[in-house]
Amino acid sequence: MKYFFIFLFSSFLIIPISDASVIGKGLVCEIKTGSSTRDYPFYFYFKDKKNIERYDIQGYEILTMIRDYELSGTSKIWIEYFGTLNRETLEAKDGARTFICSVYNSKEHITKKVSDFISEGKSKNKF
């Protein structure tokens, strides 16, 4: 029995990271270097093993777009119309632009971040 538990524990250490490890998590990616016409971060939510929800802001509205993503080995994620995320450093690159990303553990956290950004903009606007 002792050897069974040792085997079981050690097998968890060598199993590669799967698609399931990102499903249900979210990212907020802010520009680090380069230029962008966006004045807000990129917001993502990993919906399933192929699709990611990207949240954009238009006026005071949240627009949700479904985009594809692919895991590249265990260290990179390619996101359609965005770029490649390094899972170890949480840096994403798209041509000359570099983004630094933060991980959130639920869709609610991501949608709250987007809503908070919109609310902050509303409070600053005088007209």
C-alpha atoms as a PDB file:
ATOM      1  CA  MET A   1       0.000   0.000   0.000  1.00  0.00           C
ATOM      2  CA  LYS A   2       2.851   2.355   0.820  1.00  0.00           C
ATOM      3  CA  TYR A   3       4.333   1.855  -2.658  1.00  0.00           C
ATOM      4  CA  PHE A   4       0.977   2.516  -4.258  1.00  0.00           C
ATOM      5  CA  PHE A   5       0.777   5.970  -2.624  1.00  0.00           C
ATOM      6  CA  ILE A   6       4.376   6.734  -3.580  1.00  0.00           C
ATOM      7  CA  PHE A   7       3.594   5.782  -7.180  1.00  0.00           C
ATOM      8  CA  LEU A   8       0.374   7.809  -7.153  1.00  0.00           C
ATOM      9  CA  PHE A   9       2.068  10.912  -5.742  1.00  0.00           C
ATOM     10  CA  SER A  10       5.046  10.710  -8.114  1.00  0.00           C
ATOM     11  CA  SER A  11       2.780  10.277 -11.142  1.00  0.00           C
ATOM     12  CA  PHE A  12       1.104  13.606 -10.314  1.00  0.00           C
ATOM     13  CA  LEU A  13       4.508  15.274 -10.440  1.00  0.00           C
ATOM     14  CA  ILE A  14       5.327  14.063 -13.940  1.00  0.00           C
ATOM     15  CA  ILE A  15       1.937  14.443 -15.664  1.00  0.00           C
ATOM     16  CA  PRO A  16       2.119  17.368 -18.115  1.00  0.00           C
ATOM     17  CA  ILE A  17      -0.118  20.387 -17.712  1.00  0.00           C
ATOM     18  CA  SER A  18      -3.337  19.854 -19.653  1.00  0.00           C
ATOM     19  CA  ASP A  19      -5.966  22.087 -21.255  1.00  0.00           C
ATOM     20  CA  ALA A  20      -8.034  21.709 -18.102  1.00  0.00           C
ATOM     21  CA  SER A  21      -5.481  23.723 -16.138  1.00  0.00           C
ATOM     22  CA  VAL A  22      -6.503  26.953 -17.925  1.00  0.00           C
ATOM     23  CA  ILE A  23     -10.234  26.328 -18.340  1.00  0.00           C
ATOM     24  CA  GLY A  24     -12.242  28.524 -15.989  1.00  0.00           C
ATOM     25  CA  LYS A  25      -9.408  31.006 -15.450  1.00  0.00           C
ATOM     26  CA  GLY A  26      -9.010  34.534 -16.719  1.00  0.00           C
ATOM     27  CA  LEU A  27      -6.271  36.947 -17.730  1.00  0.00           C
ATOM     28  CA  VAL A  28      -5.889  40.691 -17.585  1.00  0.00           C
ATOM     29  CA  CYS A  29      -3.044  41.830 -19.851  1.00  0.00           C
ATOM     30  CA  GLU A  30      -1.698  45.371 -19.748  1.00  0.00           C
ATOM     31  CA  ILE A  31       0.733  46.826 -22.262  1.00  0.00           C
ATOM     32  CA  LYS A  32       4.331  46.905 -21.078  1.00  0.00           C
ATOM     33  CA  THR A  33       6.238  47.996 -24.200  1.00  0.00           C
ATOM     34  CA  GLY A  34       5.175  49.202 -27.621  1.00  0.00           C
ATOM     35  CA  SER A  35       2.145  51.274 -28.514  1.00  0.00           C
ATOM     36  CA  SER A  36      -1.536  50.525 -28.721  1.00  0.00           C
ATOM     37  CA  THR A  37      -4.656  52.404 -29.742  1.00  0.00           C
ATOM     38  CA  ARG A  38      -6.492  50.753 -26.817  1.00  0.00           C
ATOM     39  CA  ASP A  39      -6.728  52.727 -23.620  1.00  0.00           C
ATOM     40  CA  TYR A  40      -7.671  49.703 -21.517  1.00  0.00           C
ATOM     41  CA  PRO A  41      -6.178  46.242 -20.846  1.00  0.00           C
ATOM     42  CA  PHE A  42      -7.043  43.014 -22.630  1.00  0.00           C
ATOM     43  CA  TYR A  43      -9.471  40.857 -20.630  1.00  0.00           C
ATOM     44  CA  PHE A  44      -9.775  37.108 -21.334  1.00  0.00           C
ATOM     45  CA  TYR A  45     -11.650  34.137 -19.915  1.00  0.00           C
ATOM     46  CA  PHE A  46     -10.782  30.538 -20.891  1.00  0.00           C
ATOM     47  CA  LYS A  47     -14.227  29.134 -21.648  1.00  0.00           C
ATOM     48  CA  ASP A  48     -13.324  25.606 -22.764  1.00  0.00           C
ATOM     49  CA  LYS A  49     -10.439  23.691 -24.345  1.00  0.00           C
ATOM     50  CA  LYS A  50     -10.632  25.641 -27.612  1.00  0.00           C
ATOM     51  CA  ASN A  51     -12.402  28.965 -26.999  1.00  0.00           C
ATOM     52  CA  ILE A  52     -11.524  32.036 -25.024  1.00  0.00           C
ATOM     53  CA  GLU A  53     -13.846  34.958 -24.326  1.00  0.00           C
ATOM     54  CA  ARG A  54     -12.300  38.363 -24.966  1.00  0.00           C
ATOM     55  CA  TYR A  55     -13.983  41.349 -23.373  1.00  0.00           C
ATOM     56  CA  ASP A  56     -13.802  44.677 -25.153  1.00  0.00           C
ATOM     57  CA  ILE A  57     -15.266  47.999 -24.075  1.00  0.00           C
ATOM     58  CA  GLN A  58     -17.301  50.212 -26.377  1.00  0.00           C
ATOM     59  CA  GLY A  59     -18.502  53.353 -24.637  1.00  0.00           C
ATOM     60  CA  TYR A  60     -19.817  51.994 -21.346  1.00  0.00           C
ATOM     61  CA  GLU A  61     -20.772  48.605 -22.819  1.00  0.00           C
ATOM     62  CA  ILE A  62     -18.939  45.292 -22.501  1.00  0.00           C
ATOM     63  CA  LEU A  63     -18.612  43.399 -25.783  1.00  0.00           C
ATOM     64  CA  THR A  64     -17.812  39.687 -25.606  1.00  0.00           C
ATOM     65  CA  MET A  65     -16.014  38.028 -28.511  1.00  0.00           C
ATOM     66  CA  ILE A  66     -15.179  34.347 -28.795  1.00  0.00           C
ATOM     67  CA  ARG A  67     -11.640  33.667 -30.016  1.00  0.00           C
ATOM     68  CA  ASP A  68      -9.596  30.497 -30.443  1.00  0.00           C
ATOM     69  CA  TYR A  69      -6.578  29.590 -28.360  1.00  0.00           C
ATOM     70  CA  GLU A  70      -4.060  26.758 -28.486  1.00  0.00           C
ATOM     71  CA  LEU A  71      -1.644  25.404 -25.934  1.00  0.00           C
ATOM     72  CA  SER A  72       1.857  25.094 -27.332  1.00  0.00           C
ATOM     73  CA  GLY A  73       3.563  22.506 -25.165  1.00  0.00           C
ATOM     74  CA  THR A  74       3.351  23.311 -21.483  1.00  0.00           C
ATOM     75  CA  SER A  75       4.843  26.799 -21.531  1.00  0.00           C
ATOM     76  CA  LYS A  76       3.014  28.846 -24.191  1.00  0.00           C
ATOM     77  CA  ILE A  77      -0.543  29.731 -25.180  1.00  0.00           C
ATOM     78  CA  TRP A  78      -1.376  31.264 -28.570  1.00  0.00           C
ATOM     79  CA  ILE A  79      -4.490  33.498 -28.502  1.00  0.00           C
ATOM     80  CA  GLU A  80      -6.156  34.456 -31.785  1.00  0.00           C
ATOM     81  CA  TYR A  81      -5.895  38.196 -32.612  1.00  0.00           C
ATOM     82  CA  PHE A  82      -3.709  38.781 -29.561  1.00  0.00           C
ATOM     83  CA  GLY A  83      -0.398  36.927 -29.489  1.00  0.00           C
ATOM     84  CA  THR A  84       1.509  34.311 -27.528  1.00  0.00           C
ATOM     85  CA  LEU A  85       1.522  34.112 -23.744  1.00  0.00           C
ATOM     86  CA  ASN A  86       4.468  32.643 -21.856  1.00  0.00           C
ATOM     87  CA  ARG A  87       2.860  30.659 -19.018  1.00  0.00           C
ATOM     88  CA  GLU A  88       5.975  30.877 -16.844  1.00  0.00           C
ATOM     89  CA  THR A  89       6.580  34.655 -16.991  1.00  0.00           C
ATOM     90  CA  LEU A  90       2.998  35.749 -17.839  1.00  0.00           C
ATOM     91  CA  GLU A  91       4.403  37.977 -20.581  1.00  0.00           C
ATOM     92  CA  ALA A  92       2.591  38.056 -23.909  1.00  0.00           C
ATOM     93  CA  LYS A  93       4.037  39.199 -27.220  1.00  0.00           C
ATOM     94  CA  ASP A  94       2.378  40.407 -30.370  1.00  0.00           C
ATOM     95  CA  GLY A  95       4.942  41.758 -32.794  1.00  0.00           C
ATOM     96  CA  ALA A  96       6.620  44.800 -31.196  1.00  0.00           C
ATOM     97  CA  ARG A  97       4.182  44.945 -28.284  1.00  0.00           C
ATOM     98  CA  THR A  98       4.752  43.203 -24.958  1.00  0.00           C
ATOM     99  CA  PHE A  99       2.073  42.720 -22.318  1.00  0.00           C
ATOM    100  CA  ILE A 100       2.296  41.677 -18.680  1.00  0.00           C
ATOM    101  CA  CYS A 101      -0.649  39.555 -17.557  1.00  0.00           C
ATOM    102  CA  SER A 102      -2.295  38.659 -14.269  1.00  0.00           C
ATOM    103  CA  VAL A 103      -4.247  35.445 -13.662  1.00  0.00           C
ATOM    104  CA  TYR A 104      -7.719  35.389 -12.103  1.00  0.00           C
ATOM    105  CA  ASN A 105      -9.485  32.224 -10.990  1.00  0.00           C
ATOM    106  CA  SER A 106     -13.026  32.840 -12.205  1.00  0.00           C
ATOM    107  CA  LYS A 107     -15.158  34.526 -14.821  1.00  0.00           C
ATOM    108  CA  GLU A 108     -16.703  36.670 -12.083  1.00  0.00           C
ATOM    109  CA  HIS A 109     -13.290  38.149 -11.216  1.00  0.00           C
ATOM    110  CA  ILE A 110     -12.659  39.083 -14.860  1.00  0.00           C
ATOM    111  CA  THR A 111     -16.087  40.612 -15.468  1.00  0.00           C
ATOM    112  CA  LYS A 112     -15.736  42.578 -12.217  1.00  0.00           C
ATOM    113  CA  LYS A 113     -12.360  43.940 -13.413  1.00  0.00           C
ATOM    114  CA  VAL A 114     -13.977  45.079 -16.691  1.00  0.00           C
ATOM    115  CA  SER A 115     -16.949  46.617 -14.845  1.00  0.00           C
ATOM    116  CA  ASP A 116     -14.627  48.380 -12.399  1.00  0.00           C
ATOM    117  CA  PHE A 117     -12.650  49.846 -15.311  1.00  0.00           C
ATOM    118  CA  ILE A 118     -15.875  51.165 -16.873  1.00  0.00           C
ATOM    119  CA  SER A 119     -17.079  52.582 -13.534  1.00  0.00           C
ATOM    120  CA  GLU A 120     -13.755  54.346 -13.038  1.00  0.00           C
ATOM    121  CA  GLY A 121     -14.084  55.936 -16.471  1.00  0.00           C
ATOM    122  CA  LYS A 122     -17.650  57.041 -15.741  1.00  0.00           C
ATOM    123  CA  SER A 123     -16.599  58.691 -12.472  1.00  0.00           C
ATOM    124  CA  LYS A 124     -13.815  60.665 -14.209  1.00  0.00           C
ATOM    125  CA  ASN A 125     -15.986  61.959 -17.056  1.00  0.00           C
ATOM    126  CA  LYS A 126     -17.576  65.330 -16.413  1.00  0.00           C
ATOM    127  CA  PHE A 127     -19.658  65.343 -19.578  1.00  0.00           C
END
